[in-house]
Every structure is written in structure tokens, then in C-alpha cells.
Amino acid sequence: MERMRAQAARWGATLFTEDVVTVDLSERPFTITSTERSVKANSIIIATGATAKKLGIPREDEFWSRGISACAICDGASPIFRLKPVAVVGGGDTAVEEALYLTKYASH
């Protein structure tokens, strides 16, 4: 996230971290109203975040971010997974994408 912010700033973007109240997409430039201000922009990045679905297995909270991860892209290159056997739990395209990404780092 910090790298994305730094790149945007290098290209002249003005960055605000605030709670948005309304977004008017009916005309350009768009109007974004937060709890602090209203701004106009030709482009908007909407980053609402995500919540991982935990499995409910024993000691899961103890090992969360210390061996159990919900984001291969975020955590897969960290030393804890490098050249180690890993397992991906999930279904559909997302699980396959995460598993394919981990082939660059994990042993199998």
C-alpha cells in the first residue's frame, strides 16, 4: 500500500485518508465528499478492504500472520514461506490464483 501511495504522490496525486460520505458519479469531474472536505477528481480508486474467512481450526488466531495467511500476494514472498511446503485452502478461481502465485516461492 505504501508503495502505491508513494508512486501516486510522485505523479502528483493528492492523497487523503478519510471516511467518504458520498460520491457523485453523475458528471465529470466526480465529486467526493468526506467527513473533512469535498474534492473533485477525474479518477477514483475505491479501496474498501476485505475480510478473510477464517477456518475456525485450533490455534488459528495464535498463528495468524505467523504461518497462517489470507493473502498469498501480500505474504507469499516473506521468508516464513520461502522454500517451504505450503497448502492453500479455498475454492474457485481465487484459490487457484493464490496457489499459482505461491509456486514462485514455496517448495511445493
N, C-alpha and C. Protein backbone atom coordinates (compact mmCIF):
# COMPACT_ATOMS: atom_id res chain seq x y z
N MET A 1 0.82 -1.18 0.00
CA MET A 1 0.00 0.00 0.00
C MET A 1 0.87 1.25 0.00
N GLU A 2 1.92 1.24 0.79
CA GLU A 2 2.79 2.41 0.86
C GLU A 2 3.48 2.68 -0.48
N ARG A 3 3.85 1.62 -1.19
CA ARG A 3 4.49 1.80 -2.49
C ARG A 3 3.52 2.42 -3.49
N MET A 4 2.25 2.01 -3.41
CA MET A 4 1.25 2.59 -4.30
C MET A 4 1.05 4.07 -3.97
N ARG A 5 0.98 4.39 -2.68
CA ARG A 5 0.83 5.79 -2.27
C ARG A 5 2.02 6.62 -2.74
N ALA A 6 3.22 6.08 -2.57
CA ALA A 6 4.44 6.81 -2.97
C ALA A 6 4.45 7.05 -4.47
N GLN A 7 4.07 6.04 -5.26
CA GLN A 7 4.05 6.20 -6.70
C GLN A 7 3.01 7.25 -7.11
N ALA A 8 1.84 7.20 -6.51
CA ALA A 8 0.80 8.18 -6.83
C ALA A 8 1.27 9.59 -6.49
N ALA A 9 1.93 9.74 -5.36
CA ALA A 9 2.44 11.05 -4.96
C ALA A 9 3.50 11.55 -5.94
N ARG A 10 4.38 10.64 -6.40
CA ARG A 10 5.40 11.03 -7.39
C ARG A 10 4.77 11.58 -8.66
N TRP A 11 3.60 11.07 -9.01
CA TRP A 11 2.92 11.52 -10.23
C TRP A 11 1.99 12.69 -9.96
N GLY A 12 2.05 13.25 -8.76
CA GLY A 12 1.30 14.47 -8.47
C GLY A 12 -0.07 14.28 -7.85
N ALA A 13 -0.40 13.08 -7.45
CA ALA A 13 -1.71 12.85 -6.83
C ALA A 13 -1.73 13.47 -5.44
N THR A 14 -2.89 13.98 -5.07
CA THR A 14 -3.12 14.44 -3.71
C THR A 14 -3.86 13.33 -2.99
N LEU A 15 -3.33 12.88 -1.86
CA LEU A 15 -3.88 11.72 -1.16
C LEU A 15 -4.53 12.13 0.15
N PHE A 16 -5.72 11.64 0.39
CA PHE A 16 -6.43 11.86 1.65
C PHE A 16 -6.85 10.50 2.19
N THR A 17 -6.67 10.27 3.48
CA THR A 17 -7.17 9.06 4.12
C THR A 17 -8.28 9.49 5.05
N GLU A 18 -9.50 9.36 4.56
CA GLU A 18 -10.68 9.85 5.29
C GLU A 18 -11.87 8.93 5.01
N ASP A 19 -12.90 9.09 5.80
CA ASP A 19 -14.15 8.37 5.55
C ASP A 19 -14.97 9.14 4.53
N VAL A 20 -15.30 8.51 3.42
CA VAL A 20 -16.10 9.13 2.38
C VAL A 20 -17.57 8.98 2.74
N VAL A 21 -18.29 10.09 2.60
CA VAL A 21 -19.72 10.10 2.92
C VAL A 21 -20.54 9.88 1.65
N THR A 22 -20.20 10.59 0.56
CA THR A 22 -20.91 10.43 -0.71
C THR A 22 -19.94 10.57 -1.86
N VAL A 23 -20.32 9.94 -2.99
CA VAL A 23 -19.58 10.09 -4.24
C VAL A 23 -20.62 10.36 -5.33
N ASP A 24 -20.44 11.47 -6.03
CA ASP A 24 -21.34 11.82 -7.12
C ASP A 24 -20.66 11.47 -8.44
N LEU A 25 -21.14 10.40 -9.08
CA LEU A 25 -20.56 9.94 -10.34
C LEU A 25 -21.38 10.41 -11.54
N SER A 26 -22.34 11.28 -11.32
CA SER A 26 -23.25 11.68 -12.40
C SER A 26 -22.60 12.58 -13.44
N GLU A 27 -21.52 13.26 -13.09
CA GLU A 27 -20.81 14.09 -14.06
C GLU A 27 -19.34 14.17 -13.70
N ARG A 28 -18.54 14.48 -14.73
CA ARG A 28 -17.09 14.64 -14.52
C ARG A 28 -16.76 16.10 -14.36
N PRO A 29 -15.80 16.46 -13.56
CA PRO A 29 -15.11 15.56 -12.65
C PRO A 29 -16.05 15.09 -11.54
N PHE A 30 -15.78 13.90 -11.00
CA PHE A 30 -16.58 13.33 -9.92
C PHE A 30 -16.41 14.19 -8.67
N THR A 31 -17.42 14.19 -7.82
CA THR A 31 -17.33 14.90 -6.54
C THR A 31 -17.34 13.88 -5.41
N ILE A 32 -16.30 13.93 -4.60
CA ILE A 32 -16.16 13.03 -3.46
C ILE A 32 -16.28 13.88 -2.20
N THR A 33 -17.23 13.53 -1.35
CA THR A 33 -17.41 14.27 -0.11
C THR A 33 -17.07 13.36 1.05
N SER A 34 -16.14 13.82 1.88
CA SER A 34 -15.74 13.06 3.06
C SER A 34 -16.24 13.78 4.30
N THR A 35 -15.86 13.28 5.44
CA THR A 35 -16.21 13.95 6.69
C THR A 35 -15.42 15.23 6.87
N GLU A 36 -14.36 15.40 6.06
CA GLU A 36 -13.47 16.55 6.19
C GLU A 36 -13.64 17.60 5.09
N ARG A 37 -13.97 17.17 3.86
CA ARG A 37 -13.94 18.09 2.71
C ARG A 37 -14.68 17.49 1.52
N SER A 38 -14.84 18.31 0.49
CA SER A 38 -15.33 17.85 -0.82
C SER A 38 -14.23 18.13 -1.83
N VAL A 39 -13.97 17.15 -2.69
CA VAL A 39 -12.95 17.31 -3.73
C VAL A 39 -13.53 16.82 -5.05
N LYS A 40 -12.94 17.28 -6.13
CA LYS A 40 -13.32 16.84 -7.47
C LYS A 40 -12.15 16.06 -8.05
N ALA A 41 -12.47 15.00 -8.78
CA ALA A 41 -11.43 14.16 -9.36
C ALA A 41 -11.93 13.51 -10.64
N ASN A 42 -11.02 13.33 -11.59
CA ASN A 42 -11.36 12.64 -12.83
C ASN A 42 -11.30 11.13 -12.67
N SER A 43 -10.57 10.66 -11.67
CA SER A 43 -10.44 9.23 -11.40
C SER A 43 -10.59 8.98 -9.92
N ILE A 44 -11.10 7.81 -9.58
CA ILE A 44 -11.28 7.43 -8.18
C ILE A 44 -10.81 6.00 -8.02
N ILE A 45 -10.04 5.73 -6.99
CA ILE A 45 -9.70 4.36 -6.60
C ILE A 45 -10.51 4.06 -5.35
N ILE A 46 -11.35 3.05 -5.43
CA ILE A 46 -12.18 2.67 -4.29
C ILE A 46 -11.54 1.44 -3.64
N ALA A 47 -11.04 1.62 -2.44
CA ALA A 47 -10.38 0.54 -1.69
C ALA A 47 -11.17 0.29 -0.42
N THR A 48 -12.10 -0.65 -0.50
CA THR A 48 -12.99 -0.90 0.63
C THR A 48 -12.44 -1.91 1.61
N GLY A 49 -11.35 -2.58 1.22
CA GLY A 49 -10.78 -3.60 2.10
C GLY A 49 -11.50 -4.92 1.95
N ALA A 50 -11.00 -5.90 2.64
CA ALA A 50 -11.60 -7.23 2.59
C ALA A 50 -11.40 -7.90 3.94
N THR A 51 -12.24 -8.85 4.23
CA THR A 51 -12.13 -9.61 5.46
C THR A 51 -11.97 -11.07 5.10
N ALA A 52 -10.92 -11.68 5.61
CA ALA A 52 -10.67 -13.09 5.32
C ALA A 52 -11.66 -13.97 6.08
N LYS A 53 -12.02 -15.08 5.46
CA LYS A 53 -12.85 -16.08 6.13
C LYS A 53 -11.91 -17.04 6.85
N LYS A 54 -11.98 -17.05 8.16
CA LYS A 54 -11.13 -17.97 8.92
C LYS A 54 -11.77 -19.35 8.96
N LEU A 55 -10.94 -20.35 9.20
CA LEU A 55 -11.39 -21.74 9.18
C LEU A 55 -11.97 -22.21 10.52
N GLY A 56 -11.56 -21.54 11.61
CA GLY A 56 -12.01 -21.97 12.92
C GLY A 56 -11.26 -23.18 13.45
N ILE A 57 -10.03 -23.38 12.98
CA ILE A 57 -9.23 -24.52 13.43
C ILE A 57 -8.50 -24.17 14.73
N PRO A 58 -8.10 -25.18 15.50
CA PRO A 58 -7.40 -24.92 16.75
C PRO A 58 -6.13 -24.08 16.53
N ARG A 59 -5.92 -23.11 17.40
CA ARG A 59 -4.75 -22.24 17.44
C ARG A 59 -4.62 -21.33 16.21
N GLU A 60 -5.68 -21.20 15.43
CA GLU A 60 -5.65 -20.36 14.24
C GLU A 60 -5.28 -18.91 14.59
N ASP A 61 -5.89 -18.35 15.62
CA ASP A 61 -5.59 -16.97 15.99
C ASP A 61 -4.15 -16.81 16.44
N GLU A 62 -3.61 -17.81 17.09
CA GLU A 62 -2.22 -17.77 17.56
C GLU A 62 -1.23 -17.69 16.39
N PHE A 63 -1.54 -18.39 15.30
CA PHE A 63 -0.62 -18.45 14.17
C PHE A 63 -1.01 -17.54 13.00
N TRP A 64 -2.08 -16.73 13.18
CA TRP A 64 -2.47 -15.79 12.15
C TRP A 64 -1.34 -14.79 11.92
N SER A 65 -0.91 -14.64 10.70
CA SER A 65 0.23 -13.79 10.30
C SER A 65 1.56 -14.32 10.82
N ARG A 66 1.58 -15.52 11.31
CA ARG A 66 2.82 -16.19 11.72
C ARG A 66 2.84 -17.62 11.18
N GLY A 67 2.38 -17.74 9.94
CA GLY A 67 2.32 -19.06 9.31
C GLY A 67 0.98 -19.31 8.66
N ILE A 68 -0.06 -18.66 9.15
CA ILE A 68 -1.38 -18.71 8.51
C ILE A 68 -1.63 -17.33 7.91
N SER A 69 -1.96 -17.31 6.64
CA SER A 69 -2.15 -16.05 5.94
C SER A 69 -3.41 -16.12 5.09
N ALA A 70 -4.00 -14.98 4.84
CA ALA A 70 -5.19 -14.92 3.98
C ALA A 70 -4.87 -14.24 2.65
N CYS A 71 -3.60 -13.98 2.39
CA CYS A 71 -3.25 -13.25 1.16
C CYS A 71 -1.88 -13.71 0.65
N ALA A 72 -1.89 -14.57 -0.33
CA ALA A 72 -0.62 -15.05 -0.90
C ALA A 72 0.16 -13.92 -1.53
N ILE A 73 -0.52 -13.01 -2.20
CA ILE A 73 0.16 -11.89 -2.85
C ILE A 73 0.83 -11.01 -1.79
N CYS A 74 0.15 -10.81 -0.67
CA CYS A 74 0.69 -9.94 0.40
C CYS A 74 1.85 -10.60 1.14
N ASP A 75 1.70 -11.89 1.45
CA ASP A 75 2.62 -12.55 2.37
C ASP A 75 3.47 -13.65 1.76
N GLY A 76 3.16 -14.08 0.53
CA GLY A 76 3.81 -15.24 -0.06
C GLY A 76 5.31 -15.13 -0.20
N ALA A 77 5.82 -13.94 -0.44
CA ALA A 77 7.27 -13.77 -0.64
C ALA A 77 8.03 -13.62 0.67
N SER A 78 7.33 -13.61 1.79
CA SER A 78 8.02 -13.42 3.07
C SER A 78 8.87 -14.66 3.38
N PRO A 79 9.94 -14.48 4.14
CA PRO A 79 10.85 -15.59 4.44
C PRO A 79 10.18 -16.79 5.11
N ILE A 80 9.10 -16.56 5.82
CA ILE A 80 8.45 -17.67 6.53
C ILE A 80 7.93 -18.74 5.56
N PHE A 81 7.60 -18.36 4.33
CA PHE A 81 7.08 -19.31 3.35
C PHE A 81 8.10 -19.74 2.30
N ARG A 82 9.21 -19.03 2.22
CA ARG A 82 10.19 -19.30 1.17
C ARG A 82 10.75 -20.72 1.29
N LEU A 83 10.65 -21.45 0.17
CA LEU A 83 11.15 -22.82 0.04
C LEU A 83 10.58 -23.77 1.09
N LYS A 84 9.36 -23.51 1.54
CA LYS A 84 8.67 -24.37 2.50
C LYS A 84 7.45 -24.98 1.82
N PRO A 85 7.04 -26.18 2.26
CA PRO A 85 5.78 -26.71 1.74
C PRO A 85 4.61 -25.88 2.27
N VAL A 86 3.68 -25.52 1.41
CA VAL A 86 2.52 -24.73 1.81
C VAL A 86 1.24 -25.40 1.31
N ALA A 87 0.13 -25.05 1.91
CA ALA A 87 -1.18 -25.54 1.48
C ALA A 87 -2.09 -24.34 1.27
N VAL A 88 -2.93 -24.41 0.26
CA VAL A 88 -3.91 -23.37 0.00
C VAL A 88 -5.28 -23.97 0.26
N VAL A 89 -6.05 -23.32 1.12
CA VAL A 89 -7.41 -23.77 1.42
C VAL A 89 -8.36 -22.75 0.83
N GLY A 90 -9.28 -23.21 0.02
CA GLY A 90 -10.23 -22.28 -0.59
C GLY A 90 -10.87 -22.92 -1.78
N GLY A 91 -11.70 -22.16 -2.44
CA GLY A 91 -12.38 -22.70 -3.60
C GLY A 91 -12.41 -21.71 -4.73
N GLY A 92 -12.60 -22.22 -5.90
CA GLY A 92 -12.77 -21.37 -7.06
C GLY A 92 -11.49 -20.77 -7.58
N ASP A 93 -11.67 -19.76 -8.43
CA ASP A 93 -10.55 -19.13 -9.11
C ASP A 93 -9.55 -18.50 -8.16
N THR A 94 -10.04 -17.89 -7.08
CA THR A 94 -9.15 -17.20 -6.16
C THR A 94 -8.13 -18.15 -5.55
N ALA A 95 -8.56 -19.32 -5.12
CA ALA A 95 -7.64 -20.29 -4.53
C ALA A 95 -6.60 -20.75 -5.55
N VAL A 96 -7.02 -20.96 -6.78
CA VAL A 96 -6.09 -21.38 -7.82
C VAL A 96 -5.08 -20.28 -8.11
N GLU A 97 -5.54 -19.03 -8.19
CA GLU A 97 -4.63 -17.91 -8.42
C GLU A 97 -3.60 -17.79 -7.30
N GLU A 98 -4.05 -17.93 -6.05
CA GLU A 98 -3.14 -17.86 -4.91
C GLU A 98 -2.12 -19.00 -4.96
N ALA A 99 -2.57 -20.20 -5.28
CA ALA A 99 -1.67 -21.35 -5.36
C ALA A 99 -0.64 -21.16 -6.46
N LEU A 100 -1.07 -20.69 -7.61
CA LEU A 100 -0.13 -20.44 -8.71
C LEU A 100 0.91 -19.40 -8.33
N TYR A 101 0.49 -18.35 -7.65
CA TYR A 101 1.42 -17.32 -7.22
C TYR A 101 2.47 -17.90 -6.27
N LEU A 102 2.04 -18.76 -5.36
CA LEU A 102 2.97 -19.33 -4.36
C LEU A 102 4.00 -20.27 -4.97
N THR A 103 3.77 -20.76 -6.21
CA THR A 103 4.75 -21.64 -6.82
C THR A 103 6.10 -20.94 -7.04
N LYS A 104 6.10 -19.61 -7.03
CA LYS A 104 7.36 -18.86 -7.19
C LYS A 104 8.20 -18.87 -5.92
N TYR A 105 7.58 -19.18 -4.79
CA TYR A 105 8.26 -19.04 -3.50
C TYR A 105 8.35 -20.32 -2.69
N ALA A 106 7.27 -21.06 -2.63
CA ALA A 106 7.21 -22.25 -1.79
C ALA A 106 7.89 -23.44 -2.47
N SER A 107 8.22 -24.45 -1.66
CA SER A 107 8.88 -25.64 -2.23
C SER A 107 7.87 -26.53 -2.96
N HIS A 108 6.70 -26.70 -2.40
CA HIS A 108 5.61 -27.44 -3.04
C HIS A 108 4.37 -27.37 -2.18
